[in-house]
Amino acid sequence: IARPGERPVPPLNLVGDFGGGGLLQAFGVVCALLEARA
């Protein structure tokens, strides 16, 4: 996430905290809940 010759730009905290973290955990939790029912 950068322009040529420029330093990378933090994409807010959307990629790690919320996309790769909170959203992925919600998916994992619901998957585990479905498995636990069985």
Full PDB file with SEQRES, HELIX, SHEET, SSBOND, CRYST1, ORIGX, SCALE, CONECT and MASTER records, all heavy atoms in Angstrom:
SEQRES   1 A   38  ILE ALA ARG PRO GLY GLU ARG PRO VAL PRO PRO LEU ASN          
SEQRES   2 A   38  LEU VAL GLY ASP PHE GLY GLY GLY GLY LEU LEU GLN ALA          
SEQRES   3 A   38  PHE GLY VAL VAL CYS ALA LEU LEU GLU ALA ARG ALA              
HELIX    1 AA1 LEU A   14  LEU A   23  3                                  10    
HELIX    2 AA2 LEU A   24  ARG A   37  1                                  14    
CRYST1    1.000    1.000    1.000  90.00  90.00  90.00 P 1           1          
ORIGX1      1.000000  0.000000  0.000000        0.00000                         
ORIGX2      0.000000  1.000000  0.000000        0.00000                         
ORIGX3      0.000000  0.000000  1.000000        0.00000                         
SCALE1      1.000000  0.000000  0.000000        0.00000                         
SCALE2      0.000000  1.000000  0.000000        0.00000                         
SCALE3      0.000000  0.000000  1.000000        0.00000                         
ATOM      1  N   ILE A   1       0.857  -1.188   0.000  1.00  0.00           N  
ATOM      2  CA  ILE A   1       0.000   0.000   0.000  1.00  0.00           C  
ATOM      3  C   ILE A   1       0.890   1.234   0.000  1.00  0.00           C  
ATOM      4  O   ILE A   1       1.169   1.842   1.027  1.00  0.00           O  
ATOM      5  CB  ILE A   1      -0.947  -0.020   1.215  1.00  0.00           C  
ATOM      6  CG1 ILE A   1      -1.705  -1.345   1.251  1.00  0.00           C  
ATOM      7  CG2 ILE A   1      -1.915   1.138   1.170  1.00  0.00           C  
ATOM      8  CD1 ILE A   1      -2.511  -1.564   2.514  1.00  0.00           C  
ATOM      9  N   ALA A   2       1.402   1.568  -1.178  1.00  0.00           N  
ATOM     10  CA  ALA A   2       2.325   2.701  -1.307  1.00  0.00           C  
ATOM     11  C   ALA A   2       2.401   3.133  -2.762  1.00  0.00           C  
ATOM     12  O   ALA A   2       2.090   2.358  -3.672  1.00  0.00           O  
ATOM     13  CB  ALA A   2       3.720   2.326  -0.805  1.00  0.00           C  
ATOM     14  N   ARG A   3       2.801   4.379  -2.957  1.00  0.00           N  
ATOM     15  CA  ARG A   3       3.110   4.869  -4.286  1.00  0.00           C  
ATOM     16  C   ARG A   3       4.568   4.559  -4.593  1.00  0.00           C  
ATOM     17  O   ARG A   3       5.396   4.424  -3.672  1.00  0.00           O  
ATOM     18  CB  ARG A   3       2.886   6.377  -4.350  1.00  0.00           C  
ATOM     19  CG  ARG A   3       1.443   6.799  -4.145  1.00  0.00           C  
ATOM     20  CD  ARG A   3       0.585   6.454  -5.335  1.00  0.00           C  
ATOM     21  NE  ARG A   3      -0.772   6.983  -5.209  1.00  0.00           N  
ATOM     22  CZ  ARG A   3      -1.732   6.749  -6.094  1.00  0.00           C  
ATOM     23  NH1 ARG A   3      -1.483   6.013  -7.148  1.00  0.00           N  
ATOM     24  NH2 ARG A   3      -2.936   7.247  -5.911  1.00  0.00           N  
ATOM     25  N   PRO A   4       4.931   4.459  -5.870  1.00  0.00           N  
ATOM     26  CA  PRO A   4       6.337   4.202  -6.212  1.00  0.00           C  
ATOM     27  C   PRO A   4       7.256   5.248  -5.599  1.00  0.00           C  
ATOM     28  O   PRO A   4       7.011   6.454  -5.698  1.00  0.00           O  
ATOM     29  CB  PRO A   4       6.342   4.281  -7.738  1.00  0.00           C  
ATOM     30  CG  PRO A   4       4.946   3.942  -8.147  1.00  0.00           C  
ATOM     31  CD  PRO A   4       4.080   4.517  -7.070  1.00  0.00           C  
ATOM     32  N   GLY A   5       8.292   4.785  -4.940  1.00  0.00           N  
ATOM     33  CA  GLY A   5       9.271   5.673  -4.343  1.00  0.00           C  
ATOM     34  C   GLY A   5       8.828   6.328  -3.058  1.00  0.00           C  
ATOM     35  O   GLY A   5       9.555   7.148  -2.495  1.00  0.00           O  
ATOM     36  N   GLU A   6       7.617   6.014  -2.574  1.00  0.00           N  
ATOM     37  CA  GLU A   6       7.119   6.599  -1.336  1.00  0.00           C  
ATOM     38  C   GLU A   6       6.982   5.525  -0.271  1.00  0.00           C  
ATOM     39  O   GLU A   6       6.955   4.325  -0.563  1.00  0.00           O  
ATOM     40  CB  GLU A   6       5.769   7.284  -1.571  1.00  0.00           C  
ATOM     41  CG  GLU A   6       5.843   8.444  -2.552  1.00  0.00           C  
ATOM     42  CD  GLU A   6       4.505   9.135  -2.734  1.00  0.00           C  
ATOM     43  OE1 GLU A   6       3.565   8.815  -1.975  1.00  0.00           O  
ATOM     44  OE2 GLU A   6       4.394   9.989  -3.635  1.00  0.00           O  
ATOM     45  N   ARG A   7       6.876   5.979   0.975  1.00  0.00           N  
ATOM     46  CA  ARG A   7       6.752   5.026   2.068  1.00  0.00           C  
ATOM     47  C   ARG A   7       5.339   4.446   2.132  1.00  0.00           C  
ATOM     48  O   ARG A   7       4.375   5.088   1.703  1.00  0.00           O  
ATOM     49  CB  ARG A   7       7.102   5.687   3.390  1.00  0.00           C  
ATOM     50  CG  ARG A   7       6.229   6.877   3.740  1.00  0.00           C  
ATOM     51  CD  ARG A   7       6.682   7.504   5.033  1.00  0.00           C  
ATOM     52  NE  ARG A   7       5.843   8.647   5.400  1.00  0.00           N  
ATOM     53  CZ  ARG A   7       5.940   9.312   6.540  1.00  0.00           C  
ATOM     54  NH1 ARG A   7       6.855   8.950   7.422  1.00  0.00           N  
ATOM     55  NH2 ARG A   7       5.145  10.324   6.796  1.00  0.00           N  
ATOM     56  N   PRO A   8       5.188   3.226   2.657  1.00  0.00           N  
ATOM     57  CA  PRO A   8       3.856   2.633   2.797  1.00  0.00           C  
ATOM     58  C   PRO A   8       2.951   3.486   3.680  1.00  0.00           C  
ATOM     59  O   PRO A   8       3.405   4.160   4.601  1.00  0.00           O  
ATOM     60  CB  PRO A   8       4.148   1.275   3.448  1.00  0.00           C  
ATOM     61  CG  PRO A   8       5.559   0.969   3.083  1.00  0.00           C  
ATOM     62  CD  PRO A   8       6.259   2.295   3.059  1.00  0.00           C  
ATOM     63  N   VAL A   9       1.660   3.432   3.379  1.00  0.00           N  
ATOM     64  CA  VAL A   9       0.659   4.217   4.102  1.00  0.00           C  
ATOM     65  C   VAL A   9      -0.214   3.279   4.930  1.00  0.00           C  
ATOM     66  O   VAL A   9      -0.829   2.364   4.377  1.00  0.00           O  
ATOM     67  CB  VAL A   9      -0.224   5.009   3.124  1.00  0.00           C  
ATOM     68  CG1 VAL A   9      -1.305   5.780   3.883  1.00  0.00           C  
ATOM     69  CG2 VAL A   9       0.628   5.959   2.289  1.00  0.00           C  
ATOM     70  N   PRO A  10      -0.298   3.459   6.251  1.00  0.00           N  
ATOM     71  CA  PRO A  10      -1.165   2.594   7.060  1.00  0.00           C  
ATOM     72  C   PRO A  10      -2.623   2.731   6.623  1.00  0.00           C  
ATOM     73  O   PRO A  10      -3.153   3.849   6.574  1.00  0.00           O  
ATOM     74  CB  PRO A  10      -0.973   3.125   8.486  1.00  0.00           C  
ATOM     75  CG  PRO A  10       0.310   3.888   8.461  1.00  0.00           C  
ATOM     76  CD  PRO A  10       0.431   4.449   7.078  1.00  0.00           C  
ATOM     77  N   PRO A  11      -3.296   1.640   6.275  1.00  0.00           N  
ATOM     78  CA  PRO A  11      -4.698   1.709   5.852  1.00  0.00           C  
ATOM     79  C   PRO A  11      -5.630   1.790   7.058  1.00  0.00           C  
ATOM     80  O   PRO A  11      -6.456   0.894   7.281  1.00  0.00           O  
ATOM     81  CB  PRO A  11      -4.880   0.412   5.072  1.00  0.00           C  
ATOM     82  CG  PRO A  11      -3.931  -0.537   5.751  1.00  0.00           C  
ATOM     83  CD  PRO A  11      -2.741   0.286   6.170  1.00  0.00           C  
ATOM     84  N   LEU A  12      -5.489   2.902   7.830  1.00  0.00           N  
ATOM     85  CA  LEU A  12      -6.134   3.003   9.144  1.00  0.00           C  
ATOM     86  C   LEU A  12      -5.753   1.753   9.930  1.00  0.00           C  
ATOM     87  O   LEU A  12      -4.613   1.316   9.875  1.00  0.00           O  
ATOM     88  CB  LEU A  12      -7.639   3.171   8.989  1.00  0.00           C  
ATOM     89  CG  LEU A  12      -8.105   4.356   8.122  1.00  0.00           C  
ATOM     90  CD1 LEU A  12      -9.618   4.438   8.098  1.00  0.00           C  
ATOM     91  CD2 LEU A  12      -7.520   5.660   8.607  1.00  0.00           C  
ATOM     92  N   ASN A  13      -6.695   1.149  10.664  1.00  0.00           N  
ATOM     93  CA  ASN A  13      -6.414  -0.150  11.295  1.00  0.00           C  
ATOM     94  C   ASN A  13      -7.443  -1.161  10.805  1.00  0.00           C  
ATOM     95  O   ASN A  13      -7.894  -2.031  11.547  1.00  0.00           O  
ATOM     96  CB  ASN A  13      -6.415  -0.050  12.817  1.00  0.00           C  
ATOM     97  CG  ASN A  13      -7.743   0.442  13.372  1.00  0.00           C  
ATOM     98  OD1 ASN A  13      -8.483   1.142  12.704  1.00  0.00           O  
ATOM     99  ND2 ASN A  13      -8.041   0.091  14.613  1.00  0.00           N  
ATOM    100  N   LEU A  14      -7.786  -1.040   9.516  1.00  0.00           N  
ATOM    101  CA  LEU A  14      -8.838  -1.879   8.947  1.00  0.00           C  
ATOM    102  C   LEU A  14      -8.372  -3.289   8.627  1.00  0.00           C  
ATOM    103  O   LEU A  14      -9.141  -4.241   8.759  1.00  0.00           O  
ATOM    104  CB  LEU A  14      -9.381  -1.216   7.672  1.00  0.00           C  
ATOM    105  CG  LEU A  14      -9.935   0.199   7.821  1.00  0.00           C  
ATOM    106  CD1 LEU A  14     -10.417   0.719   6.478  1.00  0.00           C  
ATOM    107  CD2 LEU A  14     -11.059   0.241   8.855  1.00  0.00           C  
ATOM    108  N   VAL A  15      -7.118  -3.445   8.196  1.00  0.00           N  
ATOM    109  CA  VAL A  15      -6.657  -4.744   7.700  1.00  0.00           C  
ATOM    110  C   VAL A  15      -6.319  -5.703   8.833  1.00  0.00           C  
ATOM    111  O   VAL A  15      -6.705  -6.878   8.806  1.00  0.00           O  
ATOM    112  CB  VAL A  15      -5.438  -4.559   6.773  1.00  0.00           C  
ATOM    113  CG1 VAL A  15      -4.890  -5.907   6.321  1.00  0.00           C  
ATOM    114  CG2 VAL A  15      -5.825  -3.716   5.559  1.00  0.00           C  
ATOM    115  N   GLY A  16      -5.606  -5.228   9.846  1.00  0.00           N  
ATOM    116  CA  GLY A  16      -5.215  -6.108  10.947  1.00  0.00           C  
ATOM    117  C   GLY A  16      -6.276  -6.202  12.018  1.00  0.00           C  
ATOM    118  O   GLY A  16      -6.790  -7.283  12.322  1.00  0.00           O  
ATOM    119  N   ASP A  17      -6.634  -5.072  12.614  1.00  0.00           N  
ATOM    120  CA  ASP A  17      -7.585  -5.080  13.723  1.00  0.00           C  
ATOM    121  C   ASP A  17      -8.944  -5.630  13.323  1.00  0.00           C  
ATOM    122  O   ASP A  17      -9.477  -6.533  13.970  1.00  0.00           O  
ATOM    123  CB  ASP A  17      -7.777  -3.659  14.266  1.00  0.00           C  
ATOM    124  CG  ASP A  17      -6.687  -3.246  15.242  1.00  0.00           C  
ATOM    125  OD1 ASP A  17      -5.805  -4.072  15.533  1.00  0.00           O  
ATOM    126  OD2 ASP A  17      -6.712  -2.101  15.714  1.00  0.00           O  
ATOM    127  N   PHE A  18      -9.524  -5.062  12.269  1.00  0.00           N  
ATOM    128  CA  PHE A  18     -10.925  -5.347  11.995  1.00  0.00           C  
ATOM    129  C   PHE A  18     -11.151  -6.427  10.950  1.00  0.00           C  
ATOM    130  O   PHE A  18     -11.973  -7.315  11.154  1.00  0.00           O  
ATOM    131  CB  PHE A  18     -11.639  -4.046  11.616  1.00  0.00           C  
ATOM    132  CG  PHE A  18     -11.630  -3.042  12.744  1.00  0.00           C  
ATOM    133  CD1 PHE A  18     -11.076  -1.789  12.571  1.00  0.00           C  
ATOM    134  CD2 PHE A  18     -12.132  -3.365  13.988  1.00  0.00           C  
ATOM    135  CE1 PHE A  18     -11.049  -0.868  13.621  1.00  0.00           C  
ATOM    136  CE2 PHE A  18     -12.105  -2.466  15.042  1.00  0.00           C  
ATOM    137  CZ  PHE A  18     -11.568  -1.215  14.859  1.00  0.00           C  
ATOM    138  N   GLY A  19     -10.436  -6.380   9.819  1.00  0.00           N  
ATOM    139  CA  GLY A  19     -10.609  -7.420   8.809  1.00  0.00           C  
ATOM    140  C   GLY A  19      -9.949  -8.724   9.209  1.00  0.00           C  
ATOM    141  O   GLY A  19     -10.593  -9.771   9.294  1.00  0.00           O  
ATOM    142  N   GLY A  20      -8.647  -8.668   9.468  1.00  0.00           N  
ATOM    143  CA  GLY A  20      -7.912  -9.881   9.817  1.00  0.00           C  
ATOM    144  C   GLY A  20      -8.060 -10.292  11.262  1.00  0.00           C  
ATOM    145  O   GLY A  20      -7.678 -11.405  11.632  1.00  0.00           O  
ATOM    146  N   GLY A  21      -8.635  -9.405  12.098  1.00  0.00           N  
ATOM    147  CA  GLY A  21      -8.792  -9.723  13.515  1.00  0.00           C  
ATOM    148  C   GLY A  21     -10.236  -9.948  13.905  1.00  0.00           C  
ATOM    149  O   GLY A  21     -10.716 -11.080  13.973  1.00  0.00           O  
ATOM    150  N   GLY A  22     -10.977  -8.858  14.145  1.00  0.00           N  
ATOM    151  CA  GLY A  22     -12.318  -8.973  14.679  1.00  0.00           C  
ATOM    152  C   GLY A  22     -13.282  -9.728  13.789  1.00  0.00           C  
ATOM    153  O   GLY A  22     -14.042 -10.585  14.260  1.00  0.00           O  
ATOM    154  N   LEU A  23     -13.278  -9.430  12.498  1.00  0.00           N  
ATOM    155  CA  LEU A  23     -14.199 -10.101  11.590  1.00  0.00           C  
ATOM    156  C   LEU A  23     -13.858 -11.581  11.464  1.00  0.00           C  
ATOM    157  O   LEU A  23     -14.744 -12.441  11.465  1.00  0.00           O  
ATOM    158  CB  LEU A  23     -14.151  -9.418  10.220  1.00  0.00           C  
ATOM    159  CG  LEU A  23     -15.194  -9.839   9.199  1.00  0.00           C  
ATOM    160  CD1 LEU A  23     -16.605  -9.564   9.719  1.00  0.00           C  
ATOM    161  CD2 LEU A  23     -14.982  -9.113   7.872  1.00  0.00           C  
ATOM    162  N   LEU A  24     -12.562 -11.880  11.372  1.00  0.00           N  
ATOM    163  CA  LEU A  24     -12.148 -13.276  11.249  1.00  0.00           C  
ATOM    164  C   LEU A  24     -12.465 -14.053  12.526  1.00  0.00           C  
ATOM    165  O   LEU A  24     -12.870 -15.224  12.469  1.00  0.00           O  
ATOM    166  CB  LEU A  24     -10.656 -13.353  10.935  1.00  0.00           C  
ATOM    167  CG  LEU A  24     -10.184 -14.699  10.398  1.00  0.00           C  
ATOM    168  CD1 LEU A  24     -10.789 -14.980   9.034  1.00  0.00           C  
ATOM    169  CD2 LEU A  24      -8.674 -14.750  10.322  1.00  0.00           C  
ATOM    170  N   GLN A  25     -12.319 -13.412  13.679  1.00  0.00           N  
ATOM    171  CA  GLN A  25     -12.656 -14.113  14.912  1.00  0.00           C  
ATOM    172  C   GLN A  25     -14.149 -14.401  14.988  1.00  0.00           C  
ATOM    173  O   GLN A  25     -14.554 -15.482  15.439  1.00  0.00           O  
ATOM    174  CB  GLN A  25     -12.231 -13.318  16.146  1.00  0.00           C  
ATOM    175  CG  GLN A  25     -12.753 -13.937  17.446  1.00  0.00           C  
ATOM    176  CD  GLN A  25     -11.910 -13.661  18.641  1.00  0.00           C  
ATOM    177  OE1 GLN A  25     -11.020 -14.437  18.989  1.00  0.00           O  
ATOM    178  NE2 GLN A  25     -12.181 -12.553  19.296  1.00  0.00           N  
ATOM    179  N   ALA A  26     -14.974 -13.450  14.559  1.00  0.00           N  
ATOM    180  CA  ALA A  26     -16.414 -13.694  14.555  1.00  0.00           C  
ATOM    181  C   ALA A  26     -16.750 -14.899  13.683  1.00  0.00           C  
ATOM    182  O   ALA A  26     -17.580 -15.746  14.047  1.00  0.00           O  
ATOM    183  CB  ALA A  26     -17.159 -12.452  14.069  1.00  0.00           C  
ATOM    184  N   PHE A  27     -16.102 -15.005  12.537  1.00  0.00           N  
ATOM    185  CA  PHE A  27     -16.307 -16.154  11.657  1.00  0.00           C  
ATOM    186  C   PHE A  27     -15.878 -17.444  12.347  1.00  0.00           C  
ATOM    187  O   PHE A  27     -16.605 -18.447  12.327  1.00  0.00           O  
ATOM    188  CB  PHE A  27     -15.513 -15.946  10.365  1.00  0.00           C  
ATOM    189  CG  PHE A  27     -15.472 -17.138   9.454  1.00  0.00           C  
ATOM    190  CD1 PHE A  27     -16.606 -17.564   8.790  1.00  0.00           C  
ATOM    191  CD2 PHE A  27     -14.288 -17.838   9.266  1.00  0.00           C  
ATOM    192  CE1 PHE A  27     -16.563 -18.665   7.948  1.00  0.00           C  
ATOM    193  CE2 PHE A  27     -14.236 -18.935   8.424  1.00  0.00           C  
ATOM    194  CZ  PHE A  27     -15.377 -19.356   7.763  1.00  0.00           C  
ATOM    195  N   GLY A  28     -14.709 -17.427  12.982  1.00  0.00           N  
ATOM    196  CA  GLY A  28     -14.222 -18.618  13.662  1.00  0.00           C  
ATOM    197  C   GLY A  28     -15.117 -19.033  14.812  1.00  0.00           C  
ATOM    198  O   GLY A  28     -15.374 -20.231  15.027  1.00  0.00           O  
ATOM    199  N   VAL A  29     -15.621 -18.054  15.559  1.00  0.00           N  
ATOM    200  CA  VAL A  29     -16.503 -18.352  16.691  1.00  0.00           C  
ATOM    201  C   VAL A  29     -17.790 -19.004  16.210  1.00  0.00           C  
ATOM    202  O   VAL A  29     -18.252 -20.004  16.773  1.00  0.00           O  
ATOM    203  CB  VAL A  29     -16.793 -17.059  17.484  1.00  0.00           C  
ATOM    204  CG1 VAL A  29     -18.015 -17.230  18.380  1.00  0.00           C  
ATOM    205  CG2 VAL A  29     -15.575 -16.679  18.319  1.00  0.00           C  
ATOM    206  N   VAL A  30     -18.386 -18.447  15.153  1.00  0.00           N  
ATOM    207  CA  VAL A  30     -19.635 -19.028  14.647  1.00  0.00           C  
ATOM    208  C   VAL A  30     -19.386 -20.423  14.083  1.00  0.00           C  
ATOM    209  O   VAL A  30     -20.211 -21.334  14.264  1.00  0.00           O  
ATOM    210  CB  VAL A  30     -20.271 -18.094  13.596  1.00  0.00           C  
ATOM    211  CG1 VAL A  30     -21.462 -18.757  12.923  1.00  0.00           C  
ATOM    212  CG2 VAL A  30     -20.713 -16.794  14.259  1.00  0.00           C  
ATOM    213  N   CYS A  31     -18.251 -20.643  13.417  1.00  0.00           N  
ATOM    214  CA  CYS A  31     -17.901 -21.989  12.945  1.00  0.00           C  
ATOM    215  C   CYS A  31     -17.817 -22.963  14.114  1.00  0.00           C  
ATOM    216  O   CYS A  31     -18.352 -24.086  14.050  1.00  0.00           O  
ATOM    217  CB  CYS A  31     -16.574 -21.958  12.195  1.00  0.00           C  
ATOM    218  SG  CYS A  31     -16.626 -21.183  10.576  1.00  0.00           S  
ATOM    219  N   ALA A  32     -17.147 -22.545  15.189  1.00  0.00           N  
ATOM    220  CA  ALA A  32     -16.997 -23.424  16.351  1.00  0.00           C  
ATOM    221  C   ALA A  32     -18.338 -23.662  17.035  1.00  0.00           C  
ATOM    222  O   ALA A  32     -18.589 -24.759  17.552  1.00  0.00           O  
ATOM    223  CB  ALA A  32     -15.985 -22.824  17.327  1.00  0.00           C  
ATOM    224  N   LEU A  33     -19.206 -22.649  17.060  1.00  0.00           N  
ATOM    225  CA  LEU A  33     -20.543 -22.835  17.631  1.00  0.00           C  
ATOM    226  C   LEU A  33     -21.335 -23.873  16.844  1.00  0.00           C  
ATOM    227  O   LEU A  33     -22.011 -24.737  17.425  1.00  0.00           O  
ATOM    228  CB  LEU A  33     -21.302 -21.515  17.631  1.00  0.00           C  
ATOM    229  CG  LEU A  33     -21.003 -20.521  18.744  1.00  0.00           C  
ATOM    230  CD1 LEU A  33     -21.694 -19.189  18.461  1.00  0.00           C  
ATOM    231  CD2 LEU A  33     -21.441 -21.065  20.101  1.00  0.00           C  
ATOM    232  N   LEU A  34     -21.271 -23.813  15.526  1.00  0.00           N  
ATOM    233  CA  LEU A  34     -21.980 -24.793  14.703  1.00  0.00           C  
ATOM    234  C   LEU A  34     -21.449 -26.197  14.953  1.00  0.00           C  
ATOM    235  O   LEU A  34     -22.222 -27.154  15.064  1.00  0.00           O  
ATOM    236  CB  LEU A  34     -21.827 -24.429  13.217  1.00  0.00           C  
ATOM    237  CG  LEU A  34     -22.614 -23.210  12.730  1.00  0.00           C  
ATOM    238  CD1 LEU A  34     -22.226 -22.861  11.305  1.00  0.00           C  
ATOM    239  CD2 LEU A  34     -24.117 -23.469  12.821  1.00  0.00           C  
ATOM    240  N   GLU A  35     -20.128 -26.320  15.064  1.00  0.00           N  
ATOM    241  CA  GLU A  35     -19.545 -27.640  15.309  1.00  0.00           C  
ATOM    242  C   GLU A  35     -19.923 -28.156  16.688  1.00  0.00           C  
ATOM    243  O   GLU A  35     -20.190 -29.346  16.864  1.00  0.00           O  
ATOM    244  CB  GLU A  35     -18.028 -27.556  15.159  1.00  0.00           C  
ATOM    245  CG  GLU A  35     -17.342 -28.897  14.976  1.00  0.00           C  
ATOM    246  CD  GLU A  35     -17.159 -29.679  16.284  1.00  0.00           C  
ATOM    247  OE1 GLU A  35     -17.093 -29.024  17.344  1.00  0.00           O  
ATOM    248  OE2 GLU A  35     -17.070 -30.911  16.229  1.00  0.00           O  
ATOM    249  N   ALA A  36     -19.965 -27.268  17.682  1.00  0.00           N  
ATOM    250  CA  ALA A  36     -20.303 -27.670  19.050  1.00  0.00           C  
ATOM    251  C   ALA A  36     -21.735 -28.188  19.143  1.00  0.00           C  
ATOM    252  O   ALA A  36     -22.042 -29.063  19.961  1.00  0.00           O  
ATOM    253  CB  ALA A  36     -20.102 -26.500  20.016  1.00  0.00           C  
ATOM    254  N   ARG A  37     -22.616 -27.660  18.314  1.00  0.00           N  
ATOM    255  CA  ARG A  37     -23.992 -28.155  18.319  1.00  0.00           C  
ATOM    256  C   ARG A  37     -24.056 -29.610  17.884  1.00  0.00           C  
ATOM    257  O   ARG A  37     -24.918 -30.367  18.321  1.00  0.00           O  
ATOM    258  CB  ARG A  37     -24.856 -27.293  17.402  1.00  0.00           C  
ATOM    259  CG  ARG A  37     -25.114 -25.893  17.944  1.00  0.00           C  
ATOM    260  CD  ARG A  37     -26.041 -25.109  17.034  1.00  0.00           C  
ATOM    261  NE  ARG A  37     -26.346 -23.796  17.602  1.00  0.00           N  
ATOM    262  CZ  ARG A  37     -27.140 -22.908  17.013  1.00  0.00           C  
ATOM    263  NH1 ARG A  37     -27.699 -23.197  15.844  1.00  0.00           N  
ATOM    264  NH2 ARG A  37     -27.371 -21.734  17.597  1.00  0.00           N  
ATOM    265  N   ALA A  38     -23.144 -30.000  16.993  1.00  0.00           N  
ATOM    266  CA  ALA A  38     -23.135 -31.385  16.510  1.00  0.00           C  
ATOM    267  C   ALA A  38     -22.369 -32.318  17.445  1.00  0.00           C  
ATOM    268  O   ALA A  38     -22.797 -33.442  17.707  1.00  0.00           O  
ATOM    269  CB  ALA A  38     -22.531 -31.435  15.105  1.00  0.00           C  
TER     270      ALA A  38                                                      
MASTER        0    0    0    2    0    0    0    6  269    1    0    3          
END                                                                             
